[in-house]
C-alpha atoms as a PDB file:
ATOM      1  CA  GLU A   1       0.038   0.181  -0.222  1.00  0.00           C
ATOM      2  CA  VAL A   2       1.236   3.514  -0.884  1.00  0.00           C
ATOM      3  CA  HIS A   3       0.839   6.155   1.569  1.00  0.00           C
ATOM      4  CA  LEU A   4       0.904   9.889   0.518  1.00  0.00           C
ATOM      5  CA  VAL A   5       1.223  12.174   3.177  1.00  0.00           C
ATOM      6  CA  GLU A   6       0.706  16.398   2.695  1.00  0.00           C
ATOM      7  CA  SER A   7       1.418  18.989   5.017  1.00  0.00           C
ATOM      8  CA  GLY A   8       1.968  22.724   4.809  1.00  0.00           C
ATOM      9  CA  GLY A   9      -1.619  23.705   4.917  1.00  0.00           C
ATOM     10  CA  GLY A  10      -2.816  26.880   6.531  1.00  0.00           C
ATOM     11  CA  SER A  11      -4.313  30.133   6.393  1.00  0.00           C
ATOM     12  CA  VAL A  12      -2.716  33.350   4.627  1.00  0.00           C
ATOM     13  CA  GLN A  13      -4.053  36.512   3.346  1.00  0.00           C
ATOM     14  CA  THR A  14      -4.021  37.270  -0.665  1.00  0.00           C
ATOM     15  CA  GLY A  15      -0.770  37.796  -2.124  1.00  0.00           C
ATOM     16  CA  GLY A  16       0.977  35.780   0.438  1.00  0.00           C
ATOM     17  CA  SER A  17       2.669  32.406  -0.233  1.00  0.00           C
ATOM     18  CA  LEU A  18       2.825  28.587   1.234  1.00  0.00           C
ATOM     19  CA  ARG A  19       4.744  25.611   0.587  1.00  0.00           C
ATOM     20  CA  LEU A  20       2.959  22.190   0.752  1.00  0.00           C
ATOM     21  CA  SER A  21       4.414  19.090   1.061  1.00  0.00           C
ATOM     22  CA  CYS A  22       4.098  15.713   0.002  1.00  0.00           C
ATOM     23  CA  SER A  23       5.917  12.406   1.342  1.00  0.00           C
ATOM     24  CA  ALA A  24       6.212   9.583  -0.903  1.00  0.00           C
ATOM     25  CA  PRO A  25       7.617   6.273  -1.022  1.00  0.00           C
ATOM     26  CA  PHE A  26      11.204   6.303  -2.633  1.00  0.00           C
ATOM     27  CA  ASP A  27      10.310   4.603  -5.941  1.00  0.00           C
ATOM     28  CA  ILE A  28       7.515   6.328  -6.510  1.00  0.00           C
ATOM     29  CA  TYR A  29       8.895   9.581  -5.387  1.00  0.00           C
ATOM     30  CA  ILE A  30      11.729   8.674  -8.312  1.00  0.00           C
ATOM     31  CA  ARG A  31      10.028   6.833 -11.034  1.00  0.00           C
ATOM     32  CA  GLY A  32       6.518   7.833 -10.922  1.00  0.00           C
ATOM     33  CA  CYS A  33       4.003  10.800 -11.778  1.00  0.00           C
ATOM     34  CA  ILE A  34       2.938  12.626  -8.863  1.00  0.00           C
ATOM     35  CA  GLY A  35       0.511  15.411  -8.933  1.00  0.00           C
ATOM     36  CA  TRP A  36      -1.291  18.136  -6.960  1.00  0.00           C
ATOM     37  CA  PHE A  37      -5.279  18.199  -6.868  1.00  0.00           C
ATOM     38  CA  ARG A  38      -7.465  20.727  -4.983  1.00  0.00           C
ATOM     39  CA  ARG A  39     -11.431  20.924  -4.023  1.00  0.00           C
ATOM     40  CA  GLN A  40     -12.567  23.795  -3.368  1.00  0.00           C
ATOM     41  CA  ALA A  41     -15.493  22.820  -1.326  1.00  0.00           C
ATOM     42  CA  PRO A  42     -17.222  19.665  -0.384  1.00  0.00           C
ATOM     43  CA  GLY A  43     -19.283  18.740  -3.314  1.00  0.00           C
ATOM     44  CA  LYS A  44     -17.527  20.660  -5.737  1.00  0.00           C
ATOM     45  CA  GLU A  45     -15.459  18.894  -8.148  1.00  0.00           C
ATOM     46  CA  ARG A  46     -11.861  18.099  -7.680  1.00  0.00           C
ATOM     47  CA  GLU A  47      -9.415  20.468  -9.716  1.00  0.00           C
ATOM     48  CA  GLU A  48      -6.026  19.166 -11.361  1.00  0.00           C
ATOM     49  CA  VAL A  49      -3.244  21.612 -10.128  1.00  0.00           C
ATOM     50  CA  GLY A  50      -0.377  20.428 -11.926  1.00  0.00           C
ATOM     51  CA  SER A  51       2.008  17.470 -12.147  1.00  0.00           C
ATOM     52  CA  ILE A  52       5.824  16.155 -12.348  1.00  0.00           C
ATOM     53  CA  ASP A  53       7.186  13.051 -14.185  1.00  0.00           C
ATOM     54  CA  ARG A  54       9.987  10.977 -13.321  1.00  0.00           C
ATOM     55  CA  ASP A  55      12.112  13.310 -15.462  1.00  0.00           C
ATOM     56  CA  GLY A  56      11.383  16.057 -13.459  1.00  0.00           C
ATOM     57  CA  VAL A  57       9.243  17.698 -16.231  1.00  0.00           C
ATOM     58  CA  ALA A  58       6.373  19.708 -14.715  1.00  0.00           C
ATOM     59  CA  THR A  59       3.082  21.015 -16.114  1.00  0.00           C
ATOM     60  CA  TYR A  60       0.546  23.076 -14.886  1.00  0.00           C
ATOM     61  CA  THR A  61      -3.323  24.141 -15.089  1.00  0.00           C
ATOM     62  CA  ASP A  62      -3.702  27.641 -16.504  1.00  0.00           C
ATOM     63  CA  SER A  63      -4.832  29.176 -13.493  1.00  0.00           C
ATOM     64  CA  VAL A  64      -1.993  28.476 -11.465  1.00  0.00           C
ATOM     65  CA  LYS A  65       0.645  29.206 -14.034  1.00  0.00           C
ATOM     66  CA  GLY A  66       3.283  31.740 -12.879  1.00  0.00           C
ATOM     67  CA  ARG A  67       2.152  31.413  -9.483  1.00  0.00           C
ATOM     68  CA  PHE A  68       2.892  27.769  -8.228  1.00  0.00           C
ATOM     69  CA  THR A  69       5.567  25.666  -8.725  1.00  0.00           C
ATOM     70  CA  ILE A  70       6.063  21.796  -8.606  1.00  0.00           C
ATOM     71  CA  SER A  71       9.494  20.393  -7.223  1.00  0.00           C
ATOM     72  CA  LYS A  72      11.339  17.438  -6.220  1.00  0.00           C
ATOM     73  CA  ASP A  73      13.434  17.303  -3.036  1.00  0.00           C
ATOM     74  CA  ALA A  74      15.416  14.144  -3.664  1.00  0.00           C
ATOM     75  CA  ALA A  75      17.431  14.250  -0.106  1.00  0.00           C
ATOM     76  CA  ASN A  76      13.840  13.341   1.955  1.00  0.00           C
ATOM     77  CA  ASN A  77      11.766  12.116  -0.957  1.00  0.00           C
ATOM     78  CA  THR A  78       9.589  15.024  -0.695  1.00  0.00           C
ATOM     79  CA  LEU A  79       7.374  16.516  -3.625  1.00  0.00           C
ATOM     80  CA  TYR A  80       6.579  20.442  -2.849  1.00  0.00           C
ATOM     81  CA  LEU A  81       4.020  22.821  -3.991  1.00  0.00           C
ATOM     82  CA  GLN A  82       5.273  26.326  -4.102  1.00  0.00           C
ATOM     83  CA  MET A  83       2.309  28.580  -4.197  1.00  0.00           C
ATOM     84  CA  ASN A  84       3.064  32.395  -4.739  1.00  0.00           C
ATOM     85  CA  SER A  85       0.492  35.617  -5.058  1.00  0.00           C
ATOM     86  CA  LEU A  86      -2.231  33.514  -3.736  1.00  0.00           C
ATOM     87  CA  LYS A  87      -5.697  34.470  -4.430  1.00  0.00           C
ATOM     88  CA  THR A  88      -9.206  33.704  -2.328  1.00  0.00           C
ATOM     89  CA  ASP A  89      -9.953  31.370  -5.223  1.00  0.00           C
ATOM     90  CA  ASP A  90      -7.031  29.242  -4.346  1.00  0.00           C
ATOM     91  CA  THR A  91      -8.713  28.421  -1.092  1.00  0.00           C
ATOM     92  CA  ALA A  92      -8.933  24.299  -1.338  1.00  0.00           C
ATOM     93  CA  THR A  93      -8.130  21.175   0.178  1.00  0.00           C
ATOM     94  CA  TYR A  94      -4.983  20.352  -1.484  1.00  0.00           C
ATOM     95  CA  TYR A  95      -4.331  16.377  -2.210  1.00  0.00           C
ATOM     96  CA  CYS A  96      -1.464  14.939  -3.895  1.00  0.00           C
ATOM     97  CA  ALA A  97      -1.464  11.592  -6.009  1.00  0.00           C
ATOM     98  CA  ALA A  98       0.402   9.262  -7.675  1.00  0.00           C
ATOM     99  CA  ALA A  99       0.512   7.087 -10.314  1.00  0.00           C
ATOM    100  CA  ALA A 100       1.420   3.112 -10.277  1.00  0.00           C
ATOM    101  CA  LEU A 101       4.483   2.472 -11.429  1.00  0.00           C
ATOM    102  CA  HIS A 102       3.626  -0.020 -14.137  1.00  0.00           C
ATOM    103  CA  SER A 103       2.339   3.497 -15.885  1.00  0.00           C
ATOM    104  CA  GLY A 104       5.845   4.520 -16.841  1.00  0.00           C
ATOM    105  CA  GLY A 105       6.554   7.460 -14.683  1.00  0.00           C
ATOM    106  CA  TYR A 106       5.006   9.868 -17.189  1.00  0.00           C
ATOM    107  CA  CYS A 107       1.949  11.874 -16.322  1.00  0.00           C
ATOM    108  CA  LEU A 108      -1.271  12.187 -18.611  1.00  0.00           C
ATOM    109  CA  PRO A 109      -1.688  15.737 -19.360  1.00  0.00           C
ATOM    110  CA  ILE A 110      -3.998  18.404 -17.617  1.00  0.00           C
ATOM    111  CA  GLY A 111      -7.338  17.586 -18.403  1.00  0.00           C
ATOM    112  CA  ASP A 112      -6.979  13.878 -17.905  1.00  0.00           C
ATOM    113  CA  LEU A 113      -4.446  13.642 -15.129  1.00  0.00           C
ATOM    114  CA  SER A 114      -6.348  12.639 -12.619  1.00  0.00           C
ATOM    115  CA  ASN A 115      -7.449   9.410 -14.679  1.00  0.00           C
ATOM    116  CA  GLY A 116      -3.801   8.032 -14.382  1.00  0.00           C
ATOM    117  CA  MET A 117      -3.573   8.546 -10.668  1.00  0.00           C
ATOM    118  CA  ASP A 118      -3.816   5.260  -8.417  1.00  0.00           C
ATOM    119  CA  TYR A 119      -2.798   6.645  -4.945  1.00  0.00           C
ATOM    120  CA  TRP A 120      -4.384   9.801  -2.804  1.00  0.00           C
ATOM    121  CA  GLY A 121      -3.607  11.723  -0.054  1.00  0.00           C
ATOM    122  CA  LYS A 122      -5.812  12.938   2.643  1.00  0.00           C
ATOM    123  CA  GLY A 123      -5.366  16.317   1.652  1.00  0.00           C
ATOM    124  CA  THR A 124      -4.320  19.596   3.480  1.00  0.00           C
ATOM    125  CA  LEU A 125      -6.508  22.538   3.594  1.00  0.00           C
ATOM    126  CA  VAL A 126      -5.419  25.854   2.489  1.00  0.00           C
ATOM    127  CA  THR A 127      -7.473  29.099   3.201  1.00  0.00           C
ATOM    128  CA  ILE A 128      -6.707  32.363   1.601  1.00  0.00           C
ATOM    129  CA  SER A 129      -8.397  35.817   3.400  1.00  0.00           C
ATOM    130  CA  SER A 130      -8.544  39.106   1.665  1.00  0.00           C
END
């Protein structure tokens, strides 16, 4: 069983920054596709934020491009989501997810990303206030 654990959520004002972390098993971290998703409210549709593949190539949904950055820290098997210039619309529970290794380590494109994910964390809440 693969465990993904998110951390780093909290409350900030608009224009502020937060960095979320997701710890993942070593083999998933090194060879897998890992993505970030968010759900703005219970019952609302989950939104794709972005992903990073086995080669370290990151892609993002249009609403966060230029503000969010996904990166990896090889020292401790941790994936990061650096969020800058935060807006109230960014308020959500953020989840990291990973694809099983048999998928080859490359991510499906934004718009189809969630269909390729097999493992999900429990989420961390981010609240942006004006």
